[in-house]
């Protein structure tokens, strides 16, 4: 496992701490979740562009729908 140092403005750091506290997780876990989400979105966009480039817009949109559906339950559960 790697260690990463990130420099953030103090106000952003405080907001991330508050978000982690609200979710009852550590800042480390929060950053892991946010980075996982960002990578999943990037991968889906990459797959979408590759599929569309092959001429299948419908299949590309299906990839984006799958990503949207996989993220939606997590967001809804945590906002309660």
C-alpha atoms as a PDB file:
ATOM      1  CA  UNK A   1       0.000   0.000   0.000  1.00  0.00           C
ATOM      2  CA  UNK A   2       1.275   3.465  -0.878  1.00  0.00           C
ATOM      3  CA  UNK A   3       1.211   6.660   1.132  1.00  0.00           C
ATOM      4  CA  UNK A   4       0.233   9.906  -0.578  1.00  0.00           C
ATOM      5  CA  UNK A   5       0.668  13.413   0.792  1.00  0.00           C
ATOM      6  CA  UNK A   6      -1.871  15.926  -0.513  1.00  0.00           C
ATOM      7  CA  UNK A   7      -1.739  19.651   0.060  1.00  0.00           C
ATOM      8  CA  UNK A   8      -5.161  21.253   0.467  1.00  0.00           C
ATOM      9  CA  UNK A   9      -6.370  24.677   1.541  1.00  0.00           C
ATOM     10  CA  UNK A  10      -7.296  24.690   5.238  1.00  0.00           C
ATOM     11  CA  UNK A  11     -10.978  25.318   4.539  1.00  0.00           C
ATOM     12  CA  UNK A  12     -11.208  22.335   2.209  1.00  0.00           C
ATOM     13  CA  UNK A  13      -9.431  20.153   4.760  1.00  0.00           C
ATOM     14  CA  UNK A  14     -11.932  21.183   7.434  1.00  0.00           C
ATOM     15  CA  UNK A  15     -14.865  20.423   5.124  1.00  0.00           C
ATOM     16  CA  UNK A  16     -13.446  16.981   4.321  1.00  0.00           C
ATOM     17  CA  UNK A  17     -12.989  16.295   8.029  1.00  0.00           C
ATOM     18  CA  UNK A  18     -16.607  17.293   8.641  1.00  0.00           C
ATOM     19  CA  UNK A  19     -17.804  15.067   5.794  1.00  0.00           C
ATOM     20  CA  UNK A  20     -15.820  12.097   7.113  1.00  0.00           C
ATOM     21  CA  UNK A  21     -17.201  12.680  10.608  1.00  0.00           C
ATOM     22  CA  UNK A  22     -20.746  12.886   9.216  1.00  0.00           C
ATOM     23  CA  UNK A  23     -20.219   9.533   7.457  1.00  0.00           C
ATOM     24  CA  UNK A  24     -18.581   8.044  10.578  1.00  0.00           C
ATOM     25  CA  UNK A  25     -15.405   7.169   8.685  1.00  0.00           C
ATOM     26  CA  UNK A  26     -11.801   8.352   8.743  1.00  0.00           C
ATOM     27  CA  UNK A  27     -10.485  10.942   6.318  1.00  0.00           C
ATOM     28  CA  UNK A  28      -8.285   8.187   4.892  1.00  0.00           C
ATOM     29  CA  UNK A  29     -11.346   6.029   4.159  1.00  0.00           C
ATOM     30  CA  UNK A  30     -13.184   9.022   2.702  1.00  0.00           C
ATOM     31  CA  UNK A  31     -10.301   9.783   0.339  1.00  0.00           C
ATOM     32  CA  UNK A  32     -10.148   6.108  -0.664  1.00  0.00           C
ATOM     33  CA  UNK A  33     -13.889   6.140  -1.466  1.00  0.00           C
ATOM     34  CA  UNK A  34     -13.660   9.398  -3.419  1.00  0.00           C
ATOM     35  CA  UNK A  35     -10.662   8.187  -5.426  1.00  0.00           C
ATOM     36  CA  UNK A  36     -12.417   4.885  -6.188  1.00  0.00           C
ATOM     37  CA  UNK A  37     -15.433   6.814  -7.459  1.00  0.00           C
ATOM     38  CA  UNK A  38     -13.262   9.085  -9.615  1.00  0.00           C
ATOM     39  CA  UNK A  39     -11.437   6.090 -11.136  1.00  0.00           C
ATOM     40  CA  UNK A  40     -14.723   4.268 -11.834  1.00  0.00           C
ATOM     41  CA  UNK A  41     -16.115   7.349 -13.586  1.00  0.00           C
ATOM     42  CA  UNK A  42     -12.922   7.742 -15.640  1.00  0.00           C
ATOM     43  CA  UNK A  43     -12.954   4.045 -16.618  1.00  0.00           C
ATOM     44  CA  UNK A  44     -16.616   4.261 -17.639  1.00  0.00           C
ATOM     45  CA  UNK A  45     -15.953   7.337 -19.762  1.00  0.00           C
ATOM     46  CA  UNK A  46     -12.991   5.582 -21.400  1.00  0.00           C
ATOM     47  CA  UNK A  47     -15.136   2.510 -22.178  1.00  0.00           C
ATOM     48  CA  UNK A  48     -17.939   4.756 -23.447  1.00  0.00           C
ATOM     49  CA  UNK A  49     -15.622   6.596 -25.823  1.00  0.00           C
ATOM     50  CA  UNK A  50     -14.117   3.332 -27.111  1.00  0.00           C
ATOM     51  CA  UNK A  51     -17.530   1.770 -27.728  1.00  0.00           C
ATOM     52  CA  UNK A  52     -18.899   4.887 -29.428  1.00  0.00           C
ATOM     53  CA  UNK A  53     -15.763   5.110 -31.596  1.00  0.00           C
ATOM     54  CA  UNK A  54     -16.620   1.626 -32.863  1.00  0.00           C
ATOM     55  CA  UNK A  55     -20.035   2.943 -33.893  1.00  0.00           C
ATOM     56  CA  UNK A  56     -22.257   1.646 -31.078  1.00  0.00           C
ATOM     57  CA  UNK A  57     -23.770   4.636 -29.318  1.00  0.00           C
ATOM     58  CA  UNK A  58     -26.439   2.453 -27.646  1.00  0.00           C
ATOM     59  CA  UNK A  59     -23.813   0.163 -26.059  1.00  0.00           C
ATOM     60  CA  UNK A  60     -21.851   3.212 -24.921  1.00  0.00           C
ATOM     61  CA  UNK A  61     -24.902   4.691 -23.249  1.00  0.00           C
ATOM     62  CA  UNK A  62     -25.558   1.340 -21.564  1.00  0.00           C
ATOM     63  CA  UNK A  63     -22.098   1.559 -19.970  1.00  0.00           C
ATOM     64  CA  UNK A  64     -22.900   5.016 -18.593  1.00  0.00           C
ATOM     65  CA  UNK A  65     -26.294   3.829 -17.318  1.00  0.00           C
ATOM     66  CA  UNK A  66     -24.596   0.925 -15.544  1.00  0.00           C
ATOM     67  CA  UNK A  67     -22.184   3.316 -13.838  1.00  0.00           C
ATOM     68  CA  UNK A  68     -24.998   5.660 -12.851  1.00  0.00           C
ATOM     69  CA  UNK A  69     -27.041   2.800 -11.415  1.00  0.00           C
ATOM     70  CA  UNK A  70     -24.084   1.423  -9.468  1.00  0.00           C
ATOM     71  CA  UNK A  71     -23.367   4.785  -7.826  1.00  0.00           C
ATOM     72  CA  UNK A  72     -26.954   5.860  -7.135  1.00  0.00           C
ATOM     73  CA  UNK A  73     -27.744   3.465  -4.223  1.00  0.00           C
ATOM     74  CA  UNK A  74     -24.546   4.398  -2.379  1.00  0.00           C
ATOM     75  CA  UNK A  75     -25.312   8.106  -2.645  1.00  0.00           C
ATOM     76  CA  UNK A  76     -28.945   7.709  -1.550  1.00  0.00           C
ATOM     77  CA  UNK A  77     -28.099   5.518   1.447  1.00  0.00           C
ATOM     78  CA  UNK A  78     -25.510   7.896   2.787  1.00  0.00           C
ATOM     79  CA  UNK A  79     -27.593  11.045   2.529  1.00  0.00           C
ATOM     80  CA  UNK A  80     -30.227   9.797   4.969  1.00  0.00           C
END
